[in-house]
Amino acid sequence: MQLLVPAVVAISFYMRRDRYAAAVGIWWLGESMADVAPYADDARAGQLPLLGGVTGSEVEDYHDWEAMLGRLGLLTWDHSIGSFFFVTGGVVMAAAIIWGIMVSFRQPKAD
């Protein structure tokens, strides 16, 4: 949901032809990607504190990323997946800022 909601917001604004708001939604998506990166990276170690106040190593099947990557057989890729989300999130945020600036310069000036 952390990635789905910003994506839906961006698509919704884009379909309504509000390009600047769509750029903000895309920036939000990139920021969310960067936010999930440390948790994906922590899937095997389970050292980060989670919402319930415990770490993933204290309670079995509590760490979402450990459970997801484990079921997909990708648990050993946790560091690479975390890095992917972090770098891609940064690229998406930068692209959204550039697009937002371009959109603002292309809009007609109000009289």
PDB file of N, CA and C in Angstrom:
ATOM      1  N   MET A   1       0.822  -1.200   0.000  1.00  0.00           N
ATOM      2  CA  MET A   1       0.000   0.000   0.000  1.00  0.00           C
ATOM      3  C   MET A   1       0.862   1.258   0.000  1.00  0.00           C
ATOM      4  N   GLN A   2       2.035   1.178   0.587  1.00  0.00           N
ATOM      5  CA  GLN A   2       2.888   2.364   0.665  1.00  0.00           C
ATOM      6  C   GLN A   2       3.311   2.830  -0.725  1.00  0.00           C
ATOM      7  N   LEU A   3       3.391   1.937  -1.678  1.00  0.00           N
ATOM      8  CA  LEU A   3       3.738   2.313  -3.043  1.00  0.00           C
ATOM      9  C   LEU A   3       2.503   2.439  -3.929  1.00  0.00           C
ATOM     10  N   LEU A   4       1.474   1.678  -3.622  1.00  0.00           N
ATOM     11  CA  LEU A   4       0.272   1.684  -4.452  1.00  0.00           C
ATOM     12  C   LEU A   4      -0.495   3.002  -4.349  1.00  0.00           C
ATOM     13  N   VAL A   5      -0.667   3.537  -3.158  1.00  0.00           N
ATOM     14  CA  VAL A   5      -1.449   4.768  -2.976  1.00  0.00           C
ATOM     15  C   VAL A   5      -0.835   5.944  -3.735  1.00  0.00           C
ATOM     16  N   PRO A   6       0.477   6.228  -3.590  1.00  0.00           N
ATOM     17  CA  PRO A   6       1.031   7.341  -4.378  1.00  0.00           C
ATOM     18  C   PRO A   6       0.940   7.109  -5.887  1.00  0.00           C
ATOM     19  N   ALA A   7       1.093   5.866  -6.326  1.00  0.00           N
ATOM     20  CA  ALA A   7       0.975   5.566  -7.762  1.00  0.00           C
ATOM     21  C   ALA A   7      -0.427   5.846  -8.260  1.00  0.00           C
ATOM     22  N   VAL A   8      -1.433   5.439  -7.491  1.00  0.00           N
ATOM     23  CA  VAL A   8      -2.824   5.694  -7.875  1.00  0.00           C
ATOM     24  C   VAL A   8      -3.112   7.189  -7.891  1.00  0.00           C
ATOM     25  N   VAL A   9      -2.596   7.925  -6.920  1.00  0.00           N
ATOM     26  CA  VAL A   9      -2.781   9.380  -6.877  1.00  0.00           C
ATOM     27  C   VAL A   9      -2.158  10.011  -8.118  1.00  0.00           C
ATOM     28  N   ALA A  10      -0.941   9.637  -8.458  1.00  0.00           N
ATOM     29  CA  ALA A  10      -0.264  10.195  -9.626  1.00  0.00           C
ATOM     30  C   ALA A  10      -1.029   9.892 -10.909  1.00  0.00           C
ATOM     31  N   ILE A  11      -1.474   8.654 -11.063  1.00  0.00           N
ATOM     32  CA  ILE A  11      -2.227   8.263 -12.258  1.00  0.00           C
ATOM     33  C   ILE A  11      -3.548   9.024 -12.329  1.00  0.00           C
ATOM     34  N   SER A  12      -4.214   9.150 -11.202  1.00  0.00           N
ATOM     35  CA  SER A  12      -5.492   9.864 -11.161  1.00  0.00           C
ATOM     36  C   SER A  12      -5.338  11.315 -11.610  1.00  0.00           C
ATOM     37  N   PHE A  13      -4.327  12.015 -11.080  1.00  0.00           N
ATOM     38  CA  PHE A  13      -4.110  13.403 -11.482  1.00  0.00           C
ATOM     39  C   PHE A  13      -3.675  13.497 -12.944  1.00  0.00           C
ATOM     40  N   TYR A  14      -2.876  12.555 -13.393  1.00  0.00           N
ATOM     41  CA  TYR A  14      -2.447  12.570 -14.790  1.00  0.00           C
ATOM     42  C   TYR A  14      -3.650  12.409 -15.719  1.00  0.00           C
ATOM     43  N   MET A  15      -4.549  11.508 -15.363  1.00  0.00           N
ATOM     44  CA  MET A  15      -5.741  11.292 -16.189  1.00  0.00           C
ATOM     45  C   MET A  15      -6.669  12.507 -16.182  1.00  0.00           C
ATOM     46  N   ARG A  16      -6.609  13.285 -15.119  1.00  0.00           N
ATOM     47  CA  ARG A  16      -7.407  14.522 -15.049  1.00  0.00           C
ATOM     48  C   ARG A  16      -6.669  15.696 -15.690  1.00  0.00           C
ATOM     49  N   ARG A  17      -5.533  15.420 -16.288  1.00  0.00           N
ATOM     50  CA  ARG A  17      -4.707  16.407 -16.980  1.00  0.00           C
ATOM     51  C   ARG A  17      -4.125  17.473 -16.052  1.00  0.00           C
ATOM     52  N   ASP A  18      -3.980  17.126 -14.798  1.00  0.00           N
ATOM     53  CA  ASP A  18      -3.298  18.012 -13.849  1.00  0.00           C
ATOM     54  C   ASP A  18      -1.874  17.495 -13.718  1.00  0.00           C
ATOM     55  N   ARG A  19      -1.019  17.916 -14.635  1.00  0.00           N
ATOM     56  CA  ARG A  19       0.336  17.384 -14.734  1.00  0.00           C
ATOM     57  C   ARG A  19       1.194  17.739 -13.523  1.00  0.00           C
ATOM     58  N   TYR A  20       1.013  18.946 -12.977  1.00  0.00           N
ATOM     59  CA  TYR A  20       1.823  19.327 -11.815  1.00  0.00           C
ATOM     60  C   TYR A  20       1.486  18.448 -10.608  1.00  0.00           C
ATOM     61  N   ALA A  21       0.189  18.236 -10.365  1.00  0.00           N
ATOM     62  CA  ALA A  21      -0.211  17.363  -9.259  1.00  0.00           C
ATOM     63  C   ALA A  21       0.257  15.933  -9.497  1.00  0.00           C
ATOM     64  N   ALA A  22       0.258  15.490 -10.750  1.00  0.00           N
ATOM     65  CA  ALA A  22       0.772  14.155 -11.076  1.00  0.00           C
ATOM     66  C   ALA A  22       2.261  14.068 -10.747  1.00  0.00           C
ATOM     67  N   ALA A  23       3.005  15.150 -11.023  1.00  0.00           N
ATOM     68  CA  ALA A  23       4.432  15.172 -10.689  1.00  0.00           C
ATOM     69  C   ALA A  23       4.636  15.068  -9.178  1.00  0.00           C
ATOM     70  N   VAL A  24       3.773  15.730  -8.406  1.00  0.00           N
ATOM     71  CA  VAL A  24       3.859  15.631  -6.944  1.00  0.00           C
ATOM     72  C   VAL A  24       3.576  14.197  -6.505  1.00  0.00           C
ATOM     73  N   GLY A  25       2.579  13.558  -7.113  1.00  0.00           N
ATOM     74  CA  GLY A  25       2.280  12.163  -6.799  1.00  0.00           C
ATOM     75  C   GLY A  25       3.433  11.233  -7.144  1.00  0.00           C
ATOM     76  N   ILE A  26       4.096  11.494  -8.259  1.00  0.00           N
ATOM     77  CA  ILE A  26       5.253  10.675  -8.645  1.00  0.00           C
ATOM     78  C   ILE A  26       6.401  10.900  -7.672  1.00  0.00           C
ATOM     79  N   TRP A  27       6.595  12.161  -7.248  1.00  0.00           N
ATOM     80  CA  TRP A  27       7.628  12.430  -6.242  1.00  0.00           C
ATOM     81  C   TRP A  27       7.320  11.635  -4.969  1.00  0.00           C
ATOM     82  N   TRP A  28       6.048  11.631  -4.559  1.00  0.00           N
ATOM     83  CA  TRP A  28       5.613  10.886  -3.367  1.00  0.00           C
ATOM     84  C   TRP A  28       5.930   9.401  -3.536  1.00  0.00           C
ATOM     85  N   LEU A  29       5.703   8.862  -4.724  1.00  0.00           N
ATOM     86  CA  LEU A  29       6.021   7.459  -4.995  1.00  0.00           C
ATOM     87  C   LEU A  29       7.514   7.204  -4.814  1.00  0.00           C
ATOM     88  N   GLY A  30       8.349   8.082  -5.357  1.00  0.00           N
ATOM     89  CA  GLY A  30       9.795   7.929  -5.204  1.00  0.00           C
ATOM     90  C   GLY A  30      10.224   8.013  -3.751  1.00  0.00           C
ATOM     91  N   GLU A  31       9.623   8.938  -3.018  1.00  0.00           N
ATOM     92  CA  GLU A  31       9.940   9.082  -1.595  1.00  0.00           C
ATOM     93  C   GLU A  31       9.538   7.822  -0.827  1.00  0.00           C
ATOM     94  N   SER A  32       8.405   7.253  -1.179  1.00  0.00           N
ATOM     95  CA  SER A  32       7.957   6.015  -0.534  1.00  0.00           C
ATOM     96  C   SER A  32       8.884   4.855  -0.860  1.00  0.00           C
ATOM     97  N   MET A  33       9.391   4.835  -2.087  1.00  0.00           N
ATOM     98  CA  MET A  33      10.353   3.793  -2.460  1.00  0.00           C
ATOM     99  C   MET A  33      11.617   3.904  -1.610  1.00  0.00           C
ATOM    100  N   ALA A  34      12.099   5.130  -1.435  1.00  0.00           N
ATOM    101  CA  ALA A  34      13.284   5.336  -0.599  1.00  0.00           C
ATOM    102  C   ALA A  34      13.000   4.971   0.855  1.00  0.00           C
ATOM    103  N   ASP A  35      11.754   5.186   1.305  1.00  0.00           N
ATOM    104  CA  ASP A  35      11.379   4.840   2.678  1.00  0.00           C
ATOM    105  C   ASP A  35      11.344   3.334   2.939  1.00  0.00           C
ATOM    106  N   VAL A  36      10.937   2.544   1.958  1.00  0.00           N
ATOM    107  CA  VAL A  36      10.876   1.095   2.176  1.00  0.00           C
ATOM    108  C   VAL A  36      12.233   0.430   2.019  1.00  0.00           C
ATOM    109  N   ALA A  37      13.185   1.123   1.400  1.00  0.00           N
ATOM    110  CA  ALA A  37      14.508   0.540   1.135  1.00  0.00           C
ATOM    111  C   ALA A  37      15.197  -0.015   2.383  1.00  0.00           C
ATOM    112  N   PRO A  38      15.262   0.737   3.492  1.00  0.00           N
ATOM    113  CA  PRO A  38      15.946   0.181   4.669  1.00  0.00           C
ATOM    114  C   PRO A  38      15.266  -1.073   5.218  1.00  0.00           C
ATOM    115  N   TYR A  39      13.961  -1.161   5.107  1.00  0.00           N
ATOM    116  CA  TYR A  39      13.253  -2.327   5.623  1.00  0.00           C
ATOM    117  C   TYR A  39      13.460  -3.544   4.730  1.00  0.00           C
ATOM    118  N   ALA A  40      13.509  -3.332   3.397  1.00  0.00           N
ATOM    119  CA  ALA A  40      13.830  -4.439   2.494  1.00  0.00           C
ATOM    120  C   ALA A  40      15.252  -4.913   2.757  1.00  0.00           C
ATOM    121  N   ASP A  41      16.172  -3.979   2.958  1.00  0.00           N
ATOM    122  CA  ASP A  41      17.574  -4.301   3.225  1.00  0.00           C
ATOM    123  C   ASP A  41      17.750  -5.064   4.544  1.00  0.00           C
ATOM    124  N   ASP A  42      16.841  -4.848   5.473  1.00  0.00           N
ATOM    125  CA  ASP A  42      16.907  -5.439   6.816  1.00  0.00           C
ATOM    126  C   ASP A  42      16.188  -6.791   6.924  1.00  0.00           C
ATOM    127  N   ALA A  43      15.689  -7.314   5.820  1.00  0.00           N
ATOM    128  CA  ALA A  43      14.840  -8.513   5.874  1.00  0.00           C
ATOM    129  C   ALA A  43      15.506  -9.690   6.587  1.00  0.00           C
ATOM    130  N   ARG A  44      16.747  -9.990   6.293  1.00  0.00           N
ATOM    131  CA  ARG A  44      17.424 -11.118   6.953  1.00  0.00           C
ATOM    132  C   ARG A  44      17.899 -10.771   8.356  1.00  0.00           C
ATOM    133  N   ALA A  45      18.440  -9.585   8.526  1.00  0.00           N
ATOM    134  CA  ALA A  45      19.006  -9.202   9.826  1.00  0.00           C
ATOM    135  C   ALA A  45      17.920  -8.966  10.869  1.00  0.00           C
ATOM    136  N   GLY A  46      16.830  -8.342  10.487  1.00  0.00           N
ATOM    137  CA  GLY A  46      15.731  -8.085  11.416  1.00  0.00           C
ATOM    138  C   GLY A  46      16.107  -7.198  12.590  1.00  0.00           C
ATOM    139  N   GLN A  47      16.931  -6.193  12.349  1.00  0.00           N
ATOM    140  CA  GLN A  47      17.412  -5.344  13.436  1.00  0.00           C
ATOM    141  C   GLN A  47      16.654  -4.025  13.584  1.00  0.00           C
ATOM    142  N   LEU A  48      15.974  -3.584  12.544  1.00  0.00           N
ATOM    143  CA  LEU A  48      15.268  -2.300  12.635  1.00  0.00           C
ATOM    144  C   LEU A  48      14.013  -2.416  13.490  1.00  0.00           C
ATOM    145  N   PRO A  49      13.716  -1.400  14.295  1.00  0.00           N
ATOM    146  CA  PRO A  49      12.467  -1.418  15.057  1.00  0.00           C
ATOM    147  C   PRO A  49      11.279  -1.245  14.118  1.00  0.00           C
ATOM    148  N   LEU A  50      10.263  -2.045  14.333  1.00  0.00           N
ATOM    149  CA  LEU A  50       9.066  -2.014  13.499  1.00  0.00           C
ATOM    150  C   LEU A  50       7.931  -1.314  14.247  1.00  0.00           C
ATOM    151  N   LEU A  51       6.786  -1.172  13.597  1.00  0.00           N
ATOM    152  CA  LEU A  51       5.679  -0.419  14.189  1.00  0.00           C
ATOM    153  C   LEU A  51       5.218  -0.940  15.536  1.00  0.00           C
ATOM    154  N   GLY A  52       5.278  -2.206  15.766  1.00  0.00           N
ATOM    155  CA  GLY A  52       4.834  -2.775  17.039  1.00  0.00           C
ATOM    156  C   GLY A  52       5.813  -2.587  18.177  1.00  0.00           C
ATOM    157  N   GLY A  53       6.961  -1.952  17.902  1.00  0.00           N
ATOM    158  CA  GLY A  53       7.945  -1.716  18.944  1.00  0.00           C
ATOM    159  C   GLY A  53       8.955  -2.831  19.107  1.00  0.00           C
ATOM    160  N   VAL A  54       8.891  -3.838  18.255  1.00  0.00           N
ATOM    161  CA  VAL A  54       9.849  -4.939  18.305  1.00  0.00           C
ATOM    162  C   VAL A  54      10.634  -4.965  17.001  1.00  0.00           C
ATOM    163  N   THR A  55      11.684  -5.751  16.969  1.00  0.00           N
ATOM    164  CA  THR A  55      12.433  -5.932  15.731  1.00  0.00           C
ATOM    165  C   THR A  55      11.969  -7.219  15.061  1.00  0.00           C
ATOM    166  N   GLY A  56      12.352  -7.378  13.808  1.00  0.00           N
ATOM    167  CA  GLY A  56      11.975  -8.585  13.075  1.00  0.00           C
ATOM    168  C   GLY A  56      12.583  -9.849  13.638  1.00  0.00           C
ATOM    169  N   SER A  57      13.700  -9.734  14.337  1.00  0.00           N
ATOM    170  CA  SER A  57      14.336 -10.927  14.901  1.00  0.00           C
ATOM    171  C   SER A  57      13.696 -11.345  16.225  1.00  0.00           C
ATOM    172  N   GLU A  58      12.893 -10.477  16.834  1.00  0.00           N
ATOM    173  CA  GLU A  58      12.269 -10.802  18.126  1.00  0.00           C
ATOM    174  C   GLU A  58      10.974 -11.597  17.979  1.00  0.00           C
ATOM    175  N   VAL A  59      10.262 -11.399  16.875  1.00  0.00           N
ATOM    176  CA  VAL A  59       8.985 -12.081  16.662  1.00  0.00           C
ATOM    177  C   VAL A  59       9.018 -12.729  15.277  1.00  0.00           C
ATOM    178  N   GLU A  60       8.721 -14.007  15.229  1.00  0.00           N
ATOM    179  CA  GLU A  60       8.754 -14.727  13.958  1.00  0.00           C
ATOM    180  C   GLU A  60       7.614 -14.280  13.045  1.00  0.00           C
ATOM    181  N   ASP A  61       7.920 -14.169  11.748  1.00  0.00           N
ATOM    182  CA  ASP A  61       6.960 -13.759  10.712  1.00  0.00           C
ATOM    183  C   ASP A  61       6.340 -12.394  10.979  1.00  0.00           C
ATOM    184  N   TYR A  62       7.062 -11.501  11.641  1.00  0.00           N
ATOM    185  CA  TYR A  62       6.546 -10.171  11.949  1.00  0.00           C
ATOM    186  C   TYR A  62       7.048  -9.134  10.946  1.00  0.00           C
ATOM    187  N   HIS A  63       8.239  -9.356  10.423  1.00  0.00           N
ATOM    188  CA  HIS A  63       8.865  -8.430   9.476  1.00  0.00           C
ATOM    189  C   HIS A  63       8.276  -8.688   8.092  1.00  0.00           C
ATOM    190  N   ASP A  64       7.523  -7.706   7.560  1.00  0.00           N
ATOM    191  CA  ASP A  64       6.856  -7.867   6.270  1.00  0.00           C
ATOM    192  C   ASP A  64       7.816  -8.262   5.150  1.00  0.00           C
ATOM    193  N   TRP A  65       8.952  -7.586   5.094  1.00  0.00           N
ATOM    194  CA  TRP A  65       9.890  -7.859   4.011  1.00  0.00           C
ATOM    195  C   TRP A  65      10.527  -9.240   4.145  1.00  0.00           C
ATOM    196  N   GLU A  66      10.757  -9.678   5.351  1.00  0.00           N
ATOM    197  CA  GLU A  66      11.276 -11.042   5.545  1.00  0.00           C
ATOM    198  C   GLU A  66      10.259 -12.054   5.046  1.00  0.00           C
ATOM    199  N   ALA A  67       8.993 -11.830   5.382  1.00  0.00           N
ATOM    200  CA  ALA A  67       7.941 -12.758   4.957  1.00  0.00           C
ATOM    201  C   ALA A  67       7.768 -12.733   3.433  1.00  0.00           C
ATOM    202  N   MET A  68       7.703 -11.536   2.852  1.00  0.00           N
ATOM    203  CA  MET A  68       7.492 -11.439   1.398  1.00  0.00           C
ATOM    204  C   MET A  68       8.650 -12.036   0.614  1.00  0.00           C
ATOM    205  N   LEU A  69       9.859 -11.602   0.942  1.00  0.00           N
ATOM    206  CA  LEU A  69      11.008 -12.100   0.197  1.00  0.00           C
ATOM    207  C   LEU A  69      11.248 -13.579   0.455  1.00  0.00           C
ATOM    208  N   GLY A  70      10.956 -14.045   1.670  1.00  0.00           N
ATOM    209  CA  GLY A  70      11.102 -15.463   1.977  1.00  0.00           C
ATOM    210  C   GLY A  70      10.167 -16.322   1.148  1.00  0.00           C
ATOM    211  N   ARG A  71       8.913 -15.908   1.047  1.00  0.00           N
ATOM    212  CA  ARG A  71       7.932 -16.675   0.262  1.00  0.00           C
ATOM    213  C   ARG A  71       8.252 -16.664  -1.224  1.00  0.00           C
ATOM    214  N   LEU A  72       8.876 -15.572  -1.686  1.00  0.00           N
ATOM    215  CA  LEU A  72       9.246 -15.473  -3.098  1.00  0.00           C
ATOM    216  C   LEU A  72      10.602 -16.105  -3.397  1.00  0.00           C
ATOM    217  N   GLY A  73      11.287 -16.590  -2.364  1.00  0.00           N
ATOM    218  CA  GLY A  73      12.603 -17.189  -2.542  1.00  0.00           C
ATOM    219  C   GLY A  73      13.687 -16.155  -2.852  1.00  0.00           C
ATOM    220  N   LEU A  74      13.473 -14.920  -2.433  1.00  0.00           N
ATOM    221  CA  LEU A  74      14.401 -13.829  -2.726  1.00  0.00           C
ATOM    222  C   LEU A  74      15.061 -13.259  -1.472  1.00  0.00           C
ATOM    223  N   LEU A  75      14.976 -13.960  -0.370  1.00  0.00           N
ATOM    224  CA  LEU A  75      15.489 -13.416   0.894  1.00  0.00           C
ATOM    225  C   LEU A  75      16.981 -13.099   0.831  1.00  0.00           C
ATOM    226  N   THR A  76      17.735 -13.884   0.099  1.00  0.00           N
ATOM    227  CA  THR A  76      19.178 -13.622   0.003  1.00  0.00           C
ATOM    228  C   THR A  76      19.475 -12.381  -0.844  1.00  0.00           C
ATOM    229  N   TRP A  77      18.481 -11.864  -1.521  1.00  0.00           N
ATOM    230  CA  TRP A  77      18.627 -10.658  -2.346  1.00  0.00           C
ATOM    231  C   TRP A  77      18.203  -9.400  -1.606  1.00  0.00           C
ATOM    232  N   ASP A  78      17.991  -9.489  -0.295  1.00  0.00           N
ATOM    233  CA  ASP A  78      17.438  -8.347   0.446  1.00  0.00           C
ATOM    234  C   ASP A  78      18.264  -7.077   0.305  1.00  0.00           C
ATOM    235  N   HIS A  79      19.592  -7.181   0.340  1.00  0.00           N
ATOM    236  CA  HIS A  79      20.437  -5.983   0.224  1.00  0.00           C
ATOM    237  C   HIS A  79      20.333  -5.368  -1.175  1.00  0.00           C
ATOM    238  N   SER A  80      20.311  -6.209  -2.184  1.00  0.00           N
ATOM    239  CA  SER A  80      20.184  -5.713  -3.561  1.00  0.00           C
ATOM    240  C   SER A  80      18.824  -5.072  -3.787  1.00  0.00           C
ATOM    241  N   ILE A  81      17.776  -5.677  -3.259  1.00  0.00           N
ATOM    242  CA  ILE A  81      16.428  -5.127  -3.404  1.00  0.00           C
ATOM    243  C   ILE A  81      16.320  -3.798  -2.654  1.00  0.00           C
ATOM    244  N   GLY A  82      16.891  -3.733  -1.466  1.00  0.00           N
ATOM    245  CA  GLY A  82      16.902  -2.478  -0.720  1.00  0.00           C
ATOM    246  C   GLY A  82      17.641  -1.391  -1.470  1.00  0.00           C
ATOM    247  N   SER A  83      18.796  -1.721  -2.038  1.00  0.00           N
ATOM    248  CA  SER A  83      19.562  -0.751  -2.828  1.00  0.00           C
ATOM    249  C   SER A  83      18.785  -0.309  -4.058  1.00  0.00           C
ATOM    250  N   PHE A  84      18.119  -1.261  -4.721  1.00  0.00           N
ATOM    251  CA  PHE A  84      17.307  -0.931  -5.889  1.00  0.00           C
ATOM    252  C   PHE A  84      16.228   0.083  -5.527  1.00  0.00           C
ATOM    253  N   PHE A  85      15.500  -0.166  -4.437  1.00  0.00           N
ATOM    254  CA  PHE A  85      14.443   0.761  -4.032  1.00  0.00           C
ATOM    255  C   PHE A  85      15.001   2.136  -3.683  1.00  0.00           C
ATOM    256  N   PHE A  86      16.156   2.174  -3.022  1.00  0.00           N
ATOM    257  CA  PHE A  86      16.739   3.454  -2.623  1.00  0.00           C
ATOM    258  C   PHE A  86      17.174   4.271  -3.843  1.00  0.00           C
ATOM    259  N   VAL A  87      17.917   3.636  -4.741  1.00  0.00           N
ATOM    260  CA  VAL A  87      18.410   4.341  -5.924  1.00  0.00           C
ATOM    261  C   VAL A  87      17.260   4.717  -6.846  1.00  0.00           C
ATOM    262  N   THR A  88      16.362   3.782  -7.101  1.00  0.00           N
ATOM    263  CA  THR A  88      15.228   4.064  -7.978  1.00  0.00           C
ATOM    264  C   THR A  88      14.341   5.151  -7.391  1.00  0.00           C
ATOM    265  N   GLY A  89      14.136   5.129  -6.079  1.00  0.00           N
ATOM    266  CA  GLY A  89      13.361   6.178  -5.436  1.00  0.00           C
ATOM    267  C   GLY A  89      13.978   7.548  -5.641  1.00  0.00           C
ATOM    268  N   GLY A  90      15.298   7.646  -5.527  1.00  0.00           N
ATOM    269  CA  GLY A  90      15.985   8.914  -5.759  1.00  0.00           C
ATOM    270  C   GLY A  90      15.844   9.393  -7.191  1.00  0.00           C
ATOM    271  N   VAL A  91      15.964   8.465  -8.132  1.00  0.00           N
ATOM    272  CA  VAL A  91      15.820   8.812  -9.551  1.00  0.00           C
ATOM    273  C   VAL A  91      14.395   9.276  -9.834  1.00  0.00           C
ATOM    274  N   VAL A  92      13.408   8.571  -9.292  1.00  0.00           N
ATOM    275  CA  VAL A  92      12.005   8.935  -9.497  1.00  0.00           C
ATOM    276  C   VAL A  92      11.719  10.313  -8.900  1.00  0.00           C
ATOM    277  N   MET A  93      12.237  10.597  -7.703  1.00  0.00           N
ATOM    278  CA  MET A  93      12.024  11.916  -7.089  1.00  0.00           C
ATOM    279  C   MET A  93      12.662  13.020  -7.942  1.00  0.00           C
ATOM    280  N   ALA A  94      13.877  12.795  -8.413  1.00  0.00           N
ATOM    281  CA  ALA A  94      14.549  13.800  -9.239  1.00  0.00           C
ATOM    282  C   ALA A  94      13.792  14.036 -10.546  1.00  0.00           C
ATOM    283  N   ALA A  95      13.348  12.954 -11.176  1.00  0.00           N
ATOM    284  CA  ALA A  95      12.589  13.084 -12.422  1.00  0.00           C
ATOM    285  C   ALA A  95      11.279  13.835 -12.187  1.00  0.00           C
ATOM    286  N   ALA A  96      10.615  13.559 -11.068  1.00  0.00           N
ATOM    287  CA  ALA A  96       9.355  14.236 -10.761  1.00  0.00           C
ATOM    288  C   ALA A  96       9.572  15.732 -10.539  1.00  0.00           C
ATOM    289  N   ILE A  97      10.665  16.090  -9.872  1.00  0.00           N
ATOM    290  CA  ILE A  97      10.964  17.509  -9.658  1.00  0.00           C
ATOM    291  C   ILE A  97      11.233  18.201 -10.992  1.00  0.00           C
ATOM    292  N   ILE A  98      12.023  17.564 -11.842  1.00  0.00           N
ATOM    293  CA  ILE A  98      12.317  18.143 -13.159  1.00  0.00           C
ATOM    294  C   ILE A  98      11.036  18.298 -13.969  1.00  0.00           C
ATOM    295  N   TRP A  99      10.198  17.265 -13.971  1.00  0.00           N
ATOM    296  CA  TRP A  99       8.941  17.330 -14.710  1.00  0.00           C
ATOM    297  C   TRP A  99       8.035  18.423 -14.149  1.00  0.00           C
ATOM    298  N   GLY A 100       7.957  18.528 -12.834  1.00  0.00           N
ATOM    299  CA  GLY A 100       7.138  19.567 -12.209  1.00  0.00           C
ATOM    300  C   GLY A 100       7.597  20.966 -12.588  1.00  0.00           C
ATOM    301  N   ILE A 101       8.917  21.165 -12.635  1.00  0.00           N
ATOM    302  CA  ILE A 101       9.451  22.474 -13.045  1.00  0.00           C
ATOM    303  C   ILE A 101       9.114  22.748 -14.505  1.00  0.00           C
ATOM    304  N   MET A 102       9.267  21.744 -15.345  1.00  0.00           N
ATOM    305  CA  MET A 102       8.942  21.915 -16.765  1.00  0.00           C
ATOM    306  C   MET A 102       7.461  22.240 -16.956  1.00  0.00           C
ATOM    307  N   VAL A 103       6.600  21.554 -16.225  1.00  0.00           N
ATOM    308  CA  VAL A 103       5.156  21.791 -16.321  1.00  0.00           C
ATOM    309  C   VAL A 103       4.831  23.214 -15.881  1.00  0.00           C
ATOM    310  N   SER A 104       5.468  23.686 -14.803  1.00  0.00           N
ATOM    311  CA  SER A 104       5.143  25.032 -14.315  1.00  0.00           C
ATOM    312  C   SER A 104       5.571  26.119 -15.293  1.00  0.00           C
ATOM    313  N   PHE A 105       6.653  25.901 -16.028  1.00  0.00           N
ATOM    314  CA  PHE A 105       7.073  26.895 -17.002  1.00  0.00           C
ATOM    315  C   PHE A 105       6.212  26.867 -18.263  1.00  0.00           C
ATOM    316  N   ARG A 106       5.578  25.754 -18.540  1.00  0.00           N
ATOM    317  CA  ARG A 106       4.753  25.628 -19.747  1.00  0.00           C
ATOM    318  C   ARG A 106       3.323  26.125 -19.546  1.00  0.00           C
ATOM    319  N   GLN A 107       2.909  26.297 -18.301  1.00  0.00           N
ATOM    320  CA  GLN A 107       1.530  26.741 -18.067  1.00  0.00           C
ATOM    321  C   GLN A 107       1.381  28.203 -18.453  1.00  0.00           C
ATOM    322  N   PRO A 108       0.229  28.539 -19.077  1.00  0.00           N
ATOM    323  CA  PRO A 108       0.015  29.934 -19.451  1.00  0.00           C
ATOM    324  C   PRO A 108      -0.113  30.825 -18.218  1.00  0.00           C
ATOM    325  N   LYS A 109       0.382  32.031 -18.340  1.00  0.00           N
ATOM    326  CA  LYS A 109       0.329  32.963 -17.223  1.00  0.00           C
ATOM    327  C   LYS A 109      -1.079  33.515 -17.075  1.00  0.00           C
ATOM    328  N   ALA A 110      -1.506  33.680 -15.817  1.00  0.00           N
ATOM    329  CA  ALA A 110      -2.834  34.248 -15.539  1.00  0.00           C
ATOM    330  C   ALA A 110      -2.784  35.758 -15.786  1.00  0.00           C
ATOM    331  N   ASP A 111      -3.868  36.305 -16.307  1.00  0.00           N
ATOM    332  CA  ASP A 111      -3.928  37.761 -16.566  1.00  0.00           C
ATOM    333  C   ASP A 111      -4.331  38.527 -15.351  1.00  0.00           C
TER     334      ASP A 111
END
